Amino acid sequence: MDEILRDCLVSIAAIGAIFVILYVLLMNRFRERMSLLEKGLSPKVFNNKNASQSATLRFGLLLIGTSIGILLGNFVAIQFDIPRQGAFIAMMFLFGGIGLITSYLIEQRTNKS
């Protein structure tokens, strides 16, 4: 019974912490934007479509790299008799980093043209 209660409390605390962090981030963003608008800045500054497209590309390639890392981590763990946890973590970080570097190179290429 104690383990169930502990698990529930940890889950509730983790979800609460996530919501508190999101609330603080969004409120700070709102306050920053309001102060910039009070100083006479145009609202068009906040509509940066290139940033949202690059963020989508970055997260997409990061998730693709991480999933490839999971698949190859499983392959490495089976073929080379390496502990599964180490193989998964190493491959996820490796291919996630490769995905981020790829997104950086794509962004540099598109910004040049």
PDB file of N, CA and C in Angstrom:
ATOM      1  N   MET A   1       0.817  -1.190   0.000  1.00  0.00           N
ATOM      2  CA  MET A   1       0.000   0.000   0.000  1.00  0.00           C
ATOM      3  C   MET A   1       0.861   1.254   0.000  1.00  0.00           C
ATOM      4  N   ASP A   2       1.983   1.208   0.684  1.00  0.00           N
ATOM      5  CA  ASP A   2       2.863   2.371   0.751  1.00  0.00           C
ATOM      6  C   ASP A   2       3.476   2.686  -0.609  1.00  0.00           C
ATOM      7  N   GLU A   3       3.779   1.655  -1.390  1.00  0.00           N
ATOM      8  CA  GLU A   3       4.363   1.873  -2.712  1.00  0.00           C
ATOM      9  C   GLU A   3       3.373   2.547  -3.649  1.00  0.00           C
ATOM     10  N   ILE A   4       2.116   2.171  -3.569  1.00  0.00           N
ATOM     11  CA  ILE A   4       1.100   2.783  -4.424  1.00  0.00           C
ATOM     12  C   ILE A   4       0.930   4.250  -4.072  1.00  0.00           C
ATOM     13  N   LEU A   5       0.882   4.553  -2.796  1.00  0.00           N
ATOM     14  CA  LEU A   5       0.743   5.934  -2.347  1.00  0.00           C
ATOM     15  C   LEU A   5       1.950   6.764  -2.783  1.00  0.00           C
ATOM     16  N   ARG A   6       3.136   6.197  -2.637  1.00  0.00           N
ATOM     17  CA  ARG A   6       4.350   6.896  -3.052  1.00  0.00           C
ATOM     18  C   ARG A   6       4.347   7.159  -4.555  1.00  0.00           C
ATOM     19  N   ASP A   7       3.957   6.154  -5.338  1.00  0.00           N
ATOM     20  CA  ASP A   7       3.906   6.329  -6.786  1.00  0.00           C
ATOM     21  C   ASP A   7       2.898   7.395  -7.190  1.00  0.00           C
ATOM     22  N   CYS A   8       1.746   7.408  -6.525  1.00  0.00           N
ATOM     23  CA  CYS A   8       0.734   8.426  -6.830  1.00  0.00           C
ATOM     24  C   CYS A   8       1.241   9.821  -6.484  1.00  0.00           C
ATOM     25  N   LEU A   9       1.884   9.965  -5.335  1.00  0.00           N
ATOM     26  CA  LEU A   9       2.398  11.274  -4.927  1.00  0.00           C
ATOM     27  C   LEU A   9       3.498  11.767  -5.865  1.00  0.00           C
ATOM     28  N   VAL A  10       4.355  10.869  -6.293  1.00  0.00           N
ATOM     29  CA  VAL A  10       5.420  11.249  -7.220  1.00  0.00           C
ATOM     30  C   VAL A  10       4.821  11.670  -8.555  1.00  0.00           C
ATOM     31  N   SER A  11       3.821  10.930  -9.034  1.00  0.00           N
ATOM     32  CA  SER A  11       3.177  11.280 -10.299  1.00  0.00           C
ATOM     33  C   SER A  11       2.482  12.632 -10.208  1.00  0.00           C
ATOM     34  N   ILE A  12       1.764  12.867  -9.136  1.00  0.00           N
ATOM     35  CA  ILE A  12       1.075  14.141  -8.954  1.00  0.00           C
ATOM     36  C   ILE A  12       2.078  15.279  -8.847  1.00  0.00           C
ATOM     37  N   ALA A  13       3.168  15.059  -8.129  1.00  0.00           N
ATOM     38  CA  ALA A  13       4.194  16.100  -7.991  1.00  0.00           C
ATOM     39  C   ALA A  13       4.861  16.397  -9.335  1.00  0.00           C
ATOM     40  N   ALA A  14       5.127  15.374 -10.126  1.00  0.00           N
ATOM     41  CA  ALA A  14       5.762  15.582 -11.428  1.00  0.00           C
ATOM     42  C   ALA A  14       4.836  16.350 -12.368  1.00  0.00           C
ATOM     43  N   ILE A  15       3.574  15.976 -12.408  1.00  0.00           N
ATOM     44  CA  ILE A  15       2.622  16.675 -13.272  1.00  0.00           C
ATOM     45  C   ILE A  15       2.440  18.110 -12.789  1.00  0.00           C
ATOM     46  N   GLY A  16       2.356  18.304 -11.490  1.00  0.00           N
ATOM     47  CA  GLY A  16       2.242  19.656 -10.942  1.00  0.00           C
ATOM     48  C   GLY A  16       3.454  20.508 -11.273  1.00  0.00           C
ATOM     49  N   ALA A  17       4.630  19.932 -11.185  1.00  0.00           N
ATOM     50  CA  ALA A  17       5.853  20.680 -11.503  1.00  0.00           C
ATOM     51  C   ALA A  17       5.872  21.090 -12.973  1.00  0.00           C
ATOM     52  N   ILE A  18       5.427  20.213 -13.845  1.00  0.00           N
ATOM     53  CA  ILE A  18       5.383  20.544 -15.271  1.00  0.00           C
ATOM     54  C   ILE A  18       4.427  21.706 -15.517  1.00  0.00           C
ATOM     55  N   PHE A  19       3.248  21.661 -14.896  1.00  0.00           N
ATOM     56  CA  PHE A  19       2.286  22.746 -15.080  1.00  0.00           C
ATOM     57  C   PHE A  19       2.794  24.063 -14.499  1.00  0.00           C
ATOM     58  N   VAL A  20       3.470  24.018 -13.364  1.00  0.00           N
ATOM     59  CA  VAL A  20       4.016  25.240 -12.770  1.00  0.00           C
ATOM     60  C   VAL A  20       5.092  25.835 -13.672  1.00  0.00           C
ATOM     61  N   ILE A  21       5.958  25.015 -14.219  1.00  0.00           N
ATOM     62  CA  ILE A  21       7.008  25.508 -15.111  1.00  0.00           C
ATOM     63  C   ILE A  21       6.404  26.123 -16.363  1.00  0.00           C
ATOM     64  N   LEU A  22       5.414  25.457 -16.948  1.00  0.00           N
ATOM     65  CA  LEU A  22       4.751  26.020 -18.133  1.00  0.00           C
ATOM     66  C   LEU A  22       4.049  27.336 -17.818  1.00  0.00           C
ATOM     67  N   TYR A  23       3.396  27.419 -16.668  1.00  0.00           N
ATOM     68  CA  TYR A  23       2.713  28.646 -16.272  1.00  0.00           C
ATOM     69  C   TYR A  23       3.706  29.798 -16.117  1.00  0.00           C
ATOM     70  N   VAL A  24       4.815  29.540 -15.446  1.00  0.00           N
ATOM     71  CA  VAL A  24       5.821  30.583 -15.239  1.00  0.00           C
ATOM     72  C   VAL A  24       6.409  31.031 -16.580  1.00  0.00           C
ATOM     73  N   LEU A  25       6.712  30.099 -17.452  1.00  0.00           N
ATOM     74  CA  LEU A  25       7.265  30.463 -18.759  1.00  0.00           C
ATOM     75  C   LEU A  25       6.290  31.295 -19.576  1.00  0.00           C
ATOM     76  N   LEU A  26       5.033  30.878 -19.608  1.00  0.00           N
ATOM     77  CA  LEU A  26       4.047  31.618 -20.389  1.00  0.00           C
ATOM     78  C   LEU A  26       3.759  32.998 -19.794  1.00  0.00           C
ATOM     79  N   MET A  27       3.707  33.095 -18.479  1.00  0.00           N
ATOM     80  CA  MET A  27       3.459  34.401 -17.856  1.00  0.00           C
ATOM     81  C   MET A  27       4.635  35.346 -18.079  1.00  0.00           C
ATOM     82  N   ASN A  28       5.856  34.835 -18.014  1.00  0.00           N
ATOM     83  CA  ASN A  28       7.019  35.685 -18.280  1.00  0.00           C
ATOM     84  C   ASN A  28       7.030  36.158 -19.723  1.00  0.00           C
ATOM     85  N   ARG A  29       6.662  35.285 -20.634  1.00  0.00           N
ATOM     86  CA  ARG A  29       6.584  35.669 -22.041  1.00  0.00           C
ATOM     87  C   ARG A  29       5.518  36.746 -22.252  1.00  0.00           C
ATOM     88  N   PHE A  30       4.378  36.576 -21.599  1.00  0.00           N
ATOM     89  CA  PHE A  30       3.304  37.552 -21.704  1.00  0.00           C
ATOM     90  C   PHE A  30       3.742  38.912 -21.154  1.00  0.00           C
ATOM     91  N   ARG A  31       4.369  38.898 -19.983  1.00  0.00           N
ATOM     92  CA  ARG A  31       4.831  40.158 -19.374  1.00  0.00           C
ATOM     93  C   ARG A  31       5.884  40.842 -20.230  1.00  0.00           C
ATOM     94  N   GLU A  32       6.780  40.055 -20.797  1.00  0.00           N
ATOM     95  CA  GLU A  32       7.809  40.626 -21.660  1.00  0.00           C
ATOM     96  C   GLU A  32       7.188  41.271 -22.898  1.00  0.00           C
ATOM     97  N   ARG A  33       6.241  40.596 -23.499  1.00  0.00           N
ATOM     98  CA  ARG A  33       5.585  41.150 -24.685  1.00  0.00           C
ATOM     99  C   ARG A  33       4.785  42.402 -24.345  1.00  0.00           C
ATOM    100  N   MET A  34       4.116  42.399 -23.218  1.00  0.00           N
ATOM    101  CA  MET A  34       3.339  43.576 -22.824  1.00  0.00           C
ATOM    102  C   MET A  34       4.255  44.771 -22.564  1.00  0.00           C
ATOM    103  N   SER A  35       5.403  44.527 -21.940  1.00  0.00           N
ATOM    104  CA  SER A  35       6.327  45.643 -21.689  1.00  0.00           C
ATOM    105  C   SER A  35       6.911  46.177 -23.000  1.00  0.00           C
ATOM    106  N   LEU A  36       7.161  45.304 -23.959  1.00  0.00           N
ATOM    107  CA  LEU A  36       7.652  45.767 -25.251  1.00  0.00           C
ATOM    108  C   LEU A  36       6.584  46.560 -25.995  1.00  0.00           C
ATOM    109  N   LEU A  37       5.331  46.124 -25.888  1.00  0.00           N
ATOM    110  CA  LEU A  37       4.253  46.866 -26.527  1.00  0.00           C
ATOM    111  C   LEU A  37       4.044  48.232 -25.863  1.00  0.00           C
ATOM    112  N   GLU A  38       4.220  48.297 -24.547  1.00  0.00           N
ATOM    113  CA  GLU A  38       4.090  49.570 -23.843  1.00  0.00           C
ATOM    114  C   GLU A  38       5.169  50.556 -24.269  1.00  0.00           C
ATOM    115  N   LYS A  39       6.312  50.042 -24.660  1.00  0.00           N
ATOM    116  CA  LYS A  39       7.408  50.911 -25.096  1.00  0.00           C
ATOM    117  C   LYS A  39       7.240  51.345 -26.552  1.00  0.00           C
ATOM    118  N   GLY A  40       6.195  50.871 -27.215  1.00  0.00           N
ATOM    119  CA  GLY A  40       5.904  51.313 -28.565  1.00  0.00           C
ATOM    120  C   GLY A  40       6.422  50.412 -29.661  1.00  0.00           C
ATOM    121  N   LEU A  41       6.797  49.191 -29.329  1.00  0.00           N
ATOM    122  CA  LEU A  41       7.273  48.253 -30.335  1.00  0.00           C
ATOM    123  C   LEU A  41       6.082  47.686 -31.110  1.00  0.00           C
ATOM    124  N   SER A  42       6.277  47.400 -32.360  1.00  0.00           N
ATOM    125  CA  SER A  42       5.208  46.875 -33.208  1.00  0.00           C
ATOM    126  C   SER A  42       4.945  45.403 -32.871  1.00  0.00           C
ATOM    127  N   PRO A  43       3.673  44.977 -32.899  1.00  0.00           N
ATOM    128  CA  PRO A  43       3.367  43.563 -32.631  1.00  0.00           C
ATOM    129  C   PRO A  43       3.869  42.618 -33.708  1.00  0.00           C
ATOM    130  N   LYS A  44       4.268  43.143 -34.864  1.00  0.00           N
ATOM    131  CA  LYS A  44       4.771  42.291 -35.943  1.00  0.00           C
ATOM    132  C   LYS A  44       6.098  41.622 -35.573  1.00  0.00           C
ATOM    133  N   VAL A  45       6.761  42.138 -34.560  1.00  0.00           N
ATOM    134  CA  VAL A  45       8.034  41.563 -34.122  1.00  0.00           C
ATOM    135  C   VAL A  45       7.826  40.130 -33.613  1.00  0.00           C
ATOM    136  N   PHE A  46       6.646  39.856 -33.067  1.00  0.00           N
ATOM    137  CA  PHE A  46       6.389  38.549 -32.468  1.00  0.00           C
ATOM    138  C   PHE A  46       6.037  37.481 -33.493  1.00  0.00           C
ATOM    139  N   ASN A  47       5.703  37.862 -34.699  1.00  0.00           N
ATOM    140  CA  ASN A  47       5.321  36.906 -35.741  1.00  0.00           C
ATOM    141  C   ASN A  47       6.522  36.570 -36.615  1.00  0.00           C
ATOM    142  N   ASN A  48       7.367  35.692 -36.142  1.00  0.00           N
ATOM    143  CA  ASN A  48       8.546  35.268 -36.882  1.00  0.00           C
ATOM    144  C   ASN A  48       8.301  33.857 -37.400  1.00  0.00           C
ATOM    145  N   LYS A  49       7.876  33.739 -38.650  1.00  0.00           N
ATOM    146  CA  LYS A  49       7.535  32.432 -39.218  1.00  0.00           C
ATOM    147  C   LYS A  49       8.768  31.572 -39.456  1.00  0.00           C
ATOM    148  N   ASN A  50       9.917  32.193 -39.725  1.00  0.00           N
ATOM    149  CA  ASN A  50      11.140  31.409 -39.948  1.00  0.00           C
ATOM    150  C   ASN A  50      11.542  30.666 -38.685  1.00  0.00           C
ATOM    151  N   ALA A  51      11.358  31.283 -37.529  1.00  0.00           N
ATOM    152  CA  ALA A  51      11.724  30.629 -36.275  1.00  0.00           C
ATOM    153  C   ALA A  51      10.842  29.420 -36.011  1.00  0.00           C
ATOM    154  N   SER A  52       9.549  29.532 -36.311  1.00  0.00           N
ATOM    155  CA  SER A  52       8.666  28.393 -36.060  1.00  0.00           C
ATOM    156  C   SER A  52       8.951  27.250 -37.033  1.00  0.00           C
ATOM    157  N   GLN A  53       9.301  27.581 -38.274  1.00  0.00           N
ATOM    158  CA  GLN A  53       9.633  26.530 -39.230  1.00  0.00           C
ATOM    159  C   GLN A  53      10.934  25.835 -38.847  1.00  0.00           C
ATOM    160  N   SER A  54      11.917  26.606 -38.389  1.00  0.00           N
ATOM    161  CA  SER A  54      13.180  25.980 -38.012  1.00  0.00           C
ATOM    162  C   SER A  54      13.014  25.148 -36.748  1.00  0.00           C
ATOM    163  N   ALA A  55      12.133  25.580 -35.837  1.00  0.00           N
ATOM    164  CA  ALA A  55      11.898  24.786 -34.628  1.00  0.00           C
ATOM    165  C   ALA A  55      11.219  23.472 -34.981  1.00  0.00           C
ATOM    166  N   THR A  56      10.299  23.509 -35.928  1.00  0.00           N
ATOM    167  CA  THR A  56       9.630  22.288 -36.352  1.00  0.00           C
ATOM    168  C   THR A  56      10.624  21.328 -37.000  1.00  0.00           C
ATOM    169  N   LEU A  57      11.485  21.863 -37.847  1.00  0.00           N
ATOM    170  CA  LEU A  57      12.515  21.037 -38.477  1.00  0.00           C
ATOM    171  C   LEU A  57      13.448  20.449 -37.421  1.00  0.00           C
ATOM    172  N   ARG A  58      13.864  21.267 -36.475  1.00  0.00           N
ATOM    173  CA  ARG A  58      14.787  20.831 -35.432  1.00  0.00           C
ATOM    174  C   ARG A  58      14.183  19.715 -34.595  1.00  0.00           C
ATOM    175  N   PHE A  59      12.936  19.898 -34.122  1.00  0.00           N
ATOM    176  CA  PHE A  59      12.307  18.871 -33.296  1.00  0.00           C
ATOM    177  C   PHE A  59      12.012  17.614 -34.094  1.00  0.00           C
ATOM    178  N   GLY A  60      11.620  17.774 -35.340  1.00  0.00           N
ATOM    179  CA  GLY A  60      11.354  16.611 -36.181  1.00  0.00           C
ATOM    180  C   GLY A  60      12.596  15.762 -36.380  1.00  0.00           C
ATOM    181  N   LEU A  61      13.704  16.415 -36.729  1.00  0.00           N
ATOM    182  CA  LEU A  61      14.938  15.655 -36.932  1.00  0.00           C
ATOM    183  C   LEU A  61      15.471  15.082 -35.620  1.00  0.00           C
ATOM    184  N   LEU A  62      15.257  15.782 -34.510  1.00  0.00           N
ATOM    185  CA  LEU A  62      15.668  15.247 -33.210  1.00  0.00           C
ATOM    186  C   LEU A  62      14.887  13.981 -32.888  1.00  0.00           C
ATOM    187  N   LEU A  63      13.590  13.995 -33.106  1.00  0.00           N
ATOM    188  CA  LEU A  63      12.776  12.809 -32.821  1.00  0.00           C
ATOM    189  C   LEU A  63      13.093  11.658 -33.770  1.00  0.00           C
ATOM    190  N   ILE A  64      13.343  11.972 -35.037  1.00  0.00           N
ATOM    191  CA  ILE A  64      13.731  10.921 -35.983  1.00  0.00           C
ATOM    192  C   ILE A  64      15.069  10.308 -35.557  1.00  0.00           C
ATOM    193  N   GLY A  65      16.026  11.152 -35.196  1.00  0.00           N
ATOM    194  CA  GLY A  65      17.323  10.644 -34.754  1.00  0.00           C
ATOM    195  C   GLY A  65      17.214   9.810 -33.491  1.00  0.00           C
ATOM    196  N   THR A  66      16.369  10.240 -32.554  1.00  0.00           N
ATOM    197  CA  THR A  66      16.195   9.477 -31.321  1.00  0.00           C
ATOM    198  C   THR A  66      15.558   8.128 -31.592  1.00  0.00           C
ATOM    199  N   SER A  67      14.570   8.089 -32.485  1.00  0.00           N
ATOM    200  CA  SER A  67      13.936   6.798 -32.787  1.00  0.00           C
ATOM    201  C   SER A  67      14.895   5.862 -33.516  1.00  0.00           C
ATOM    202  N   ILE A  68      15.707   6.405 -34.412  1.00  0.00           N
ATOM    203  CA  ILE A  68      16.727   5.569 -35.059  1.00  0.00           C
ATOM    204  C   ILE A  68      17.726   5.070 -34.020  1.00  0.00           C
ATOM    205  N   GLY A  69      18.051   5.923 -33.055  1.00  0.00           N
ATOM    206  CA  GLY A  69      18.950   5.514 -31.974  1.00  0.00           C
ATOM    207  C   GLY A  69      18.381   4.388 -31.135  1.00  0.00           C
ATOM    208  N   ILE A  70      17.076   4.427 -30.873  1.00  0.00           N
ATOM    209  CA  ILE A  70      16.446   3.342 -30.120  1.00  0.00           C
ATOM    210  C   ILE A  70      16.525   2.031 -30.909  1.00  0.00           C
ATOM    211  N   LEU A  71      16.223   2.108 -32.197  1.00  0.00           N
ATOM    212  CA  LEU A  71      16.277   0.896 -33.024  1.00  0.00           C
ATOM    213  C   LEU A  71      17.697   0.332 -33.089  1.00  0.00           C
ATOM    214  N   LEU A  72      18.674   1.206 -33.327  1.00  0.00           N
ATOM    215  CA  LEU A  72      20.052   0.720 -33.408  1.00  0.00           C
ATOM    216  C   LEU A  72      20.604   0.318 -32.044  1.00  0.00           C
ATOM    217  N   GLY A  73      20.118   0.949 -30.975  1.00  0.00           N
ATOM    218  CA  GLY A  73      20.515   0.514 -29.634  1.00  0.00           C
ATOM    219  C   GLY A  73      20.063  -0.905 -29.358  1.00  0.00           C
ATOM    220  N   ASN A  74      18.864  -1.236 -29.795  1.00  0.00           N
ATOM    221  CA  ASN A  74      18.369  -2.607 -29.648  1.00  0.00           C
ATOM    222  C   ASN A  74      19.212  -3.570 -30.474  1.00  0.00           C
ATOM    223  N   PHE A  75      19.550  -3.170 -31.700  1.00  0.00           N
ATOM    224  CA  PHE A  75      20.378  -4.008 -32.562  1.00  0.00           C
ATOM    225  C   PHE A  75      21.761  -4.235 -31.953  1.00  0.00           C
ATOM    226  N   VAL A  76      22.370  -3.164 -31.456  1.00  0.00           N
ATOM    227  CA  VAL A  76      23.712  -3.276 -30.856  1.00  0.00           C
ATOM    228  C   VAL A  76      23.668  -4.139 -29.606  1.00  0.00           C
ATOM    229  N   ALA A  77      22.631  -3.989 -28.791  1.00  0.00           N
ATOM    230  CA  ALA A  77      22.529  -4.784 -27.564  1.00  0.00           C
ATOM    231  C   ALA A  77      22.409  -6.268 -27.876  1.00  0.00           C
ATOM    232  N   ILE A  78      21.682  -6.594 -28.938  1.00  0.00           N
ATOM    233  CA  ILE A  78      21.503  -8.000 -29.296  1.00  0.00           C
ATOM    234  C   ILE A  78      22.757  -8.570 -29.957  1.00  0.00           C
ATOM    235  N   GLN A  79      23.338  -7.857 -30.914  1.00  0.00           N
ATOM    236  CA  GLN A  79      24.461  -8.374 -31.700  1.00  0.00           C
ATOM    237  C   GLN A  79      25.769  -8.430 -30.924  1.00  0.00           C
ATOM    238  N   PHE A  80      26.035  -7.417 -30.103  1.00  0.00           N
ATOM    239  CA  PHE A  80      27.355  -7.317 -29.472  1.00  0.00           C
ATOM    240  C   PHE A  80      27.336  -7.612 -27.981  1.00  0.00           C
ATOM    241  N   ASP A  81      26.225  -8.102 -27.467  1.00  0.00           N
ATOM    242  CA  ASP A  81      26.102  -8.498 -26.066  1.00  0.00           C
ATOM    243  C   ASP A  81      26.508  -7.359 -25.120  1.00  0.00           C
ATOM    244  N   ILE A  82      25.981  -6.178 -25.395  1.00  0.00           N
ATOM    245  CA  ILE A  82      26.213  -4.993 -24.563  1.00  0.00           C
ATOM    246  C   ILE A  82      24.964  -4.803 -23.723  1.00  0.00           C
ATOM    247  N   PRO A  83      25.095  -4.311 -22.482  1.00  0.00           N
ATOM    248  CA  PRO A  83      23.883  -4.061 -21.680  1.00  0.00           C
ATOM    249  C   PRO A  83      22.919  -3.118 -22.408  1.00  0.00           C
ATOM    250  N   ARG A  84      21.632  -3.453 -22.339  1.00  0.00           N
ATOM    251  CA  ARG A  84      20.615  -2.720 -23.088  1.00  0.00           C
ATOM    252  C   ARG A  84      20.552  -1.246 -22.713  1.00  0.00           C
ATOM    253  N   GLN A  85      20.646  -0.920 -21.416  1.00  0.00           N
ATOM    254  CA  GLN A  85      20.505   0.469 -20.999  1.00  0.00           C
ATOM    255  C   GLN A  85      21.606   1.337 -21.606  1.00  0.00           C
ATOM    256  N   GLY A  86      22.821   0.863 -21.552  1.00  0.00           N
ATOM    257  CA  GLY A  86      23.943   1.619 -22.107  1.00  0.00           C
ATOM    258  C   GLY A  86      23.837   1.787 -23.608  1.00  0.00           C
ATOM    259  N   ALA A  87      23.427   0.735 -24.292  1.00  0.00           N
ATOM    260  CA  ALA A  87      23.306   0.799 -25.751  1.00  0.00           C
ATOM    261  C   ALA A  87      22.197   1.757 -26.158  1.00  0.00           C
ATOM    262  N   PHE A  88      21.054   1.697 -25.471  1.00  0.00           N
ATOM    263  CA  PHE A  88      19.946   2.583 -25.802  1.00  0.00           C
ATOM    264  C   PHE A  88      20.310   4.040 -25.574  1.00  0.00           C
ATOM    265  N   ILE A  89      20.872   4.338 -24.417  1.00  0.00           N
ATOM    266  CA  ILE A  89      21.200   5.732 -24.086  1.00  0.00           C
ATOM    267  C   ILE A  89      22.261   6.275 -25.035  1.00  0.00           C
ATOM    268  N   ALA A  90      23.304   5.484 -25.287  1.00  0.00           N
ATOM    269  CA  ALA A  90      24.376   5.952 -26.166  1.00  0.00           C
ATOM    270  C   ALA A  90      23.865   6.207 -27.582  1.00  0.00           C
ATOM    271  N   MET A  91      23.100   5.295 -28.112  1.00  0.00           N
ATOM    272  CA  MET A  91      22.604   5.461 -29.476  1.00  0.00           C
ATOM    273  C   MET A  91      21.576   6.588 -29.583  1.00  0.00           C
ATOM    274  N   MET A  92      20.742   6.761 -28.550  1.00  0.00           N
ATOM    275  CA  MET A  92      19.769   7.853 -28.580  1.00  0.00           C
ATOM    276  C   MET A  92      20.471   9.205 -28.595  1.00  0.00           C
ATOM    277  N   PHE A  93      21.479   9.371 -27.752  1.00  0.00           N
ATOM    278  CA  PHE A  93      22.217  10.634 -27.741  1.00  0.00           C
ATOM    279  C   PHE A  93      22.998  10.837 -29.038  1.00  0.00           C
ATOM    280  N   LEU A  94      23.604   9.777 -29.538  1.00  0.00           N
ATOM    281  CA  LEU A  94      24.387   9.875 -30.769  1.00  0.00           C
ATOM    282  C   LEU A  94      23.513  10.304 -31.941  1.00  0.00           C
ATOM    283  N   PHE A  95      22.426   9.609 -32.171  1.00  0.00           N
ATOM    284  CA  PHE A  95      21.598   9.919 -33.328  1.00  0.00           C
ATOM    285  C   PHE A  95      20.730  11.153 -33.109  1.00  0.00           C
ATOM    286  N   GLY A  96      20.385  11.460 -31.865  1.00  0.00           N
ATOM    287  CA  GLY A  96      19.714  12.723 -31.591  1.00  0.00           C
ATOM    288  C   GLY A  96      20.625  13.900 -31.912  1.00  0.00           C
ATOM    289  N   GLY A  97      21.895  13.791 -31.548  1.00  0.00           N
ATOM    290  CA  GLY A  97      22.873  14.825 -31.886  1.00  0.00           C
ATOM    291  C   GLY A  97      23.094  14.932 -33.386  1.00  0.00           C
ATOM    292  N   ILE A  98      23.126  13.802 -34.066  1.00  0.00           N
ATOM    293  CA  ILE A  98      23.267  13.831 -35.527  1.00  0.00           C
ATOM    294  C   ILE A  98      22.065  14.520 -36.155  1.00  0.00           C
ATOM    295  N   GLY A  99      20.868  14.281 -35.613  1.00  0.00           N
ATOM    296  CA  GLY A  99      19.677  14.947 -36.114  1.00  0.00           C
ATOM    297  C   GLY A  99      19.741  16.452 -35.913  1.00  0.00           C
ATOM    298  N   LEU A 100      20.244  16.899 -34.757  1.00  0.00           N
ATOM    299  CA  LEU A 100      20.367  18.338 -34.507  1.00  0.00           C
ATOM    300  C   LEU A 100      21.419  18.981 -35.410  1.00  0.00           C
ATOM    301  N   ILE A 101      22.523  18.292 -35.631  1.00  0.00           N
ATOM    302  CA  ILE A 101      23.547  18.822 -36.534  1.00  0.00           C
ATOM    303  C   ILE A 101      22.995  18.903 -37.949  1.00  0.00           C
ATOM    304  N   THR A 102      22.218  17.896 -38.355  1.00  0.00           N
ATOM    305  CA  THR A 102      21.604  17.922 -39.684  1.00  0.00           C
ATOM    306  C   THR A 102      20.647  19.099 -39.822  1.00  0.00           C
ATOM    307  N   SER A 103      19.855  19.358 -38.789  1.00  0.00           N
ATOM    308  CA  SER A 103      18.926  20.492 -38.865  1.00  0.00           C
ATOM    309  C   SER A 103      19.693  21.812 -38.927  1.00  0.00           C
ATOM    310  N   TYR A 104      20.804  21.906 -38.220  1.00  0.00           N
ATOM    311  CA  TYR A 104      21.628  23.116 -38.276  1.00  0.00           C
ATOM    312  C   TYR A 104      22.175  23.328 -39.686  1.00  0.00           C
ATOM    313  N   LEU A 105      22.665  22.255 -40.305  1.00  0.00           N
ATOM    314  CA  LEU A 105      23.210  22.383 -41.662  1.00  0.00           C
ATOM    315  C   LEU A 105      22.124  22.751 -42.671  1.00  0.00           C
ATOM    316  N   ILE A 106      20.931  22.187 -42.514  1.00  0.00           N
ATOM    317  CA  ILE A 106      19.833  22.522 -43.415  1.00  0.00           C
ATOM    318  C   ILE A 106      19.434  23.980 -43.236  1.00  0.00           C
ATOM    319  N   GLU A 107      19.370  24.452 -41.992  1.00  0.00           N
ATOM    320  CA  GLU A 107      19.029  25.857 -41.738  1.00  0.00           C
ATOM    321  C   GLU A 107      20.075  26.793 -42.317  1.00  0.00           C
ATOM    322  N   GLN A 108      21.348  26.438 -42.200  1.00  0.00           N
ATOM    323  CA  GLN A 108      22.407  27.279 -42.765  1.00  0.00           C
ATOM    324  C   GLN A 108      22.285  27.332 -44.277  1.00  0.00           C
ATOM    325  N   ARG A 109      21.986  26.209 -44.900  1.00  0.00           N
ATOM    326  CA  ARG A 109      21.865  26.166 -46.356  1.00  0.00           C
ATOM    327  C   ARG A 109      20.672  26.995 -46.825  1.00  0.00           C
ATOM    328  N   THR A 110      19.541  26.913 -46.107  1.00  0.00           N
ATOM    329  CA  THR A 110      18.365  27.675 -46.520  1.00  0.00           C
ATOM    330  C   THR A 110      18.532  29.177 -46.247  1.00  0.00           C
ATOM    331  N   ASN A 111      19.293  29.545 -45.220  1.00  0.00           N
ATOM    332  CA  ASN A 111      19.509  30.957 -44.933  1.00  0.00           C
ATOM    333  C   ASN A 111      20.458  31.604 -45.936  1.00  0.00           C
ATOM    334  N   LYS A 112      21.351  30.825 -46.540  1.00  0.00           N
ATOM    335  CA  LYS A 112      22.266  31.363 -47.542  1.00  0.00           C
ATOM    336  C   LYS A 112      21.523  31.753 -48.808  1.00  0.00           C
ATOM    337  N   SER A 113      20.548  30.901 -49.213  1.00  0.00           N
ATOM    338  CA  SER A 113      19.854  31.176 -50.472  1.00  0.00           C
ATOM    339  C   SER A 113      18.726  32.143 -50.334  1.00  0.00           C
TER     340      SER A 113
END
